[in-house]
Protein backbone atom coordinates (compact mmCIF):
# COMPACT_ATOMS: atom_id res chain seq x y z
CA MET A 1 63.22 127.87 44.72
CA LEU A 2 64.78 124.60 43.53
CA GLN A 3 65.11 121.95 46.24
CA GLU A 4 68.77 120.90 46.59
CA LYS A 5 70.41 118.00 48.45
CA GLU A 6 74.00 116.93 49.01
CA LEU A 7 74.99 113.25 49.05
CA ASN A 8 78.18 111.41 49.96
CA SER A 9 79.31 108.48 47.81
CA ARG A 10 82.19 106.05 47.48
CA SER A 11 83.97 104.52 44.49
CA ALA A 12 82.91 101.03 43.39
CA GLY A 13 86.59 100.07 43.03
CA PHE A 14 87.07 96.51 41.76
CA TYR A 15 83.35 96.03 41.06
CA ALA A 16 82.97 99.15 38.86
CA TYR A 17 82.70 97.15 35.61
CA ALA A 18 79.96 94.87 36.95
CA ALA A 19 78.13 97.82 38.49
CA ALA A 20 78.19 99.75 35.18
CA ARG A 21 76.97 96.72 33.25
CA ASP A 22 74.16 96.11 35.72
CA ALA A 23 73.16 99.79 35.52
CA ARG A 24 72.92 99.61 31.72
CA ILE A 25 70.74 96.48 31.88
CA ARG A 26 68.45 98.04 34.49
CA ALA A 27 68.17 101.26 32.45
CA VAL A 28 66.93 99.38 29.39
CA ALA A 29 64.37 97.54 31.49
CA MET A 30 63.19 100.70 33.29
CA TRP A 31 62.62 102.71 30.09
CA SER A 32 59.75 100.36 29.23
CA THR A 33 57.90 101.47 32.38
CA TYR A 34 57.85 105.15 31.33
CA THR A 35 55.42 106.69 28.86
CA PRO A 36 56.71 108.38 25.69
CA ALA A 37 55.68 111.75 27.19
CA GLU A 38 57.88 111.12 30.25
CA GLN A 39 60.78 110.07 28.05
CA VAL A 40 60.46 113.23 25.95
CA ARG A 41 60.28 115.34 29.12
CA ALA A 42 63.59 113.84 30.29
CA GLU A 43 65.24 114.39 26.91
CA ARG A 44 64.12 118.03 26.88
CA ALA A 45 65.53 118.56 30.37
CA LYS A 46 68.83 117.03 29.22
CA LEU A 47 68.98 119.37 26.22
CA GLY A 48 68.40 122.38 28.47
CA LEU A 49 71.22 121.28 30.79
CA GLU A 50 73.57 120.76 27.84
CA LEU A 51 73.12 124.44 26.95
CA CYS A 52 74.02 125.61 30.48
CA TYR A 53 76.77 123.17 31.54
CA SER A 54 80.09 122.14 30.12
CA ALA A 55 80.62 118.61 31.44
CA LYS A 56 82.42 115.32 30.95
CA GLY A 57 79.04 113.79 30.16
CA ILE A 58 75.31 114.22 30.71
CA HIS A 59 73.47 110.93 31.19
CA VAL A 60 69.76 110.13 31.46
CA ASN A 61 69.06 107.23 33.81
CA PRO A 62 65.53 105.92 34.47
CA ARG A 63 64.83 104.67 37.99
CA LYS A 64 61.73 103.23 39.70
CA LYS A 65 60.39 106.50 41.14
CA PHE A 66 62.09 109.13 38.98
CA ILE A 67 64.31 109.77 35.97
CA ALA A 68 67.79 110.97 36.92
CA ILE A 69 69.85 113.26 34.70
CA LYS A 70 73.46 113.20 35.86
CA VAL A 71 75.92 115.93 34.87
CA ASP A 72 79.48 114.55 35.35
CA ASN A 73 82.14 117.02 36.54
CA PRO A 74 80.08 120.09 35.61
CA THR A 75 81.30 123.59 34.87
CA VAL A 76 78.59 126.20 34.57
CA ARG A 77 78.78 127.84 31.15
CA ASP A 78 75.74 130.13 31.40
CA ARG A 79 74.74 131.06 34.97
CA ARG A 80 71.84 133.33 34.05
CA ASN A 81 70.08 130.76 31.87
CA LEU A 82 70.84 128.01 34.39
CA ALA A 83 69.08 130.03 37.08
CA LEU A 84 66.04 130.46 34.82
CA LEU A 85 66.10 126.77 33.91
CA GLU A 86 66.30 125.68 37.56
CA GLN A 87 63.44 128.04 38.42
CA ASP A 88 61.34 126.36 35.72
CA TYR A 89 62.41 122.91 36.97
CA ALA A 90 61.34 123.83 40.51
CA MET A 91 57.83 124.63 39.26
CA GLN A 92 57.74 121.20 37.56
CA GLY A 93 58.82 119.40 40.77
CA ILE A 94 62.32 118.54 39.55
CA THR A 95 64.90 118.39 42.36
CA LYS A 96 68.66 118.93 42.25
CA VAL A 97 71.14 116.67 44.09
CA VAL A 98 74.81 117.68 44.40
CA THR A 99 77.49 115.00 44.89
CA GLU A 100 81.28 114.83 44.60
CA GLN A 101 80.95 113.35 41.10
CA GLY A 102 78.54 115.94 39.76
CA VAL A 103 74.99 117.22 39.79
CA THR A 104 71.89 115.07 39.39
CA TYR A 105 68.43 116.35 38.51
CA ARG A 106 65.52 114.08 39.49
CA ILE A 107 62.35 114.18 37.40
CA PRO A 108 59.45 112.54 39.27
CA ARG A 109 56.95 110.26 37.57
CA ILE A 110 53.86 111.99 36.16
């Protein structure tokens, strides 16, 4: 079964612009630490989620220990295929984190 967590978060408020800019700069720097195989794995996971969710946006964000795929304000479009996809993700070690803003899937480093 897919491991699932729930997190609480707060709005960045006044500093949202600077936080978004810093996140973009860090993402560019972090992609260079991942192999092409890991990058392709993240892109494939994103494509699978795009088939199952209708969302405001689906973003791939590389971090130090994992690649995060965030689904903003998700609505499940295909529950059956999502269940199969999450079952496959669980076998690969991908975890699911649920927040107020959306759902994040964490792909660990190989």
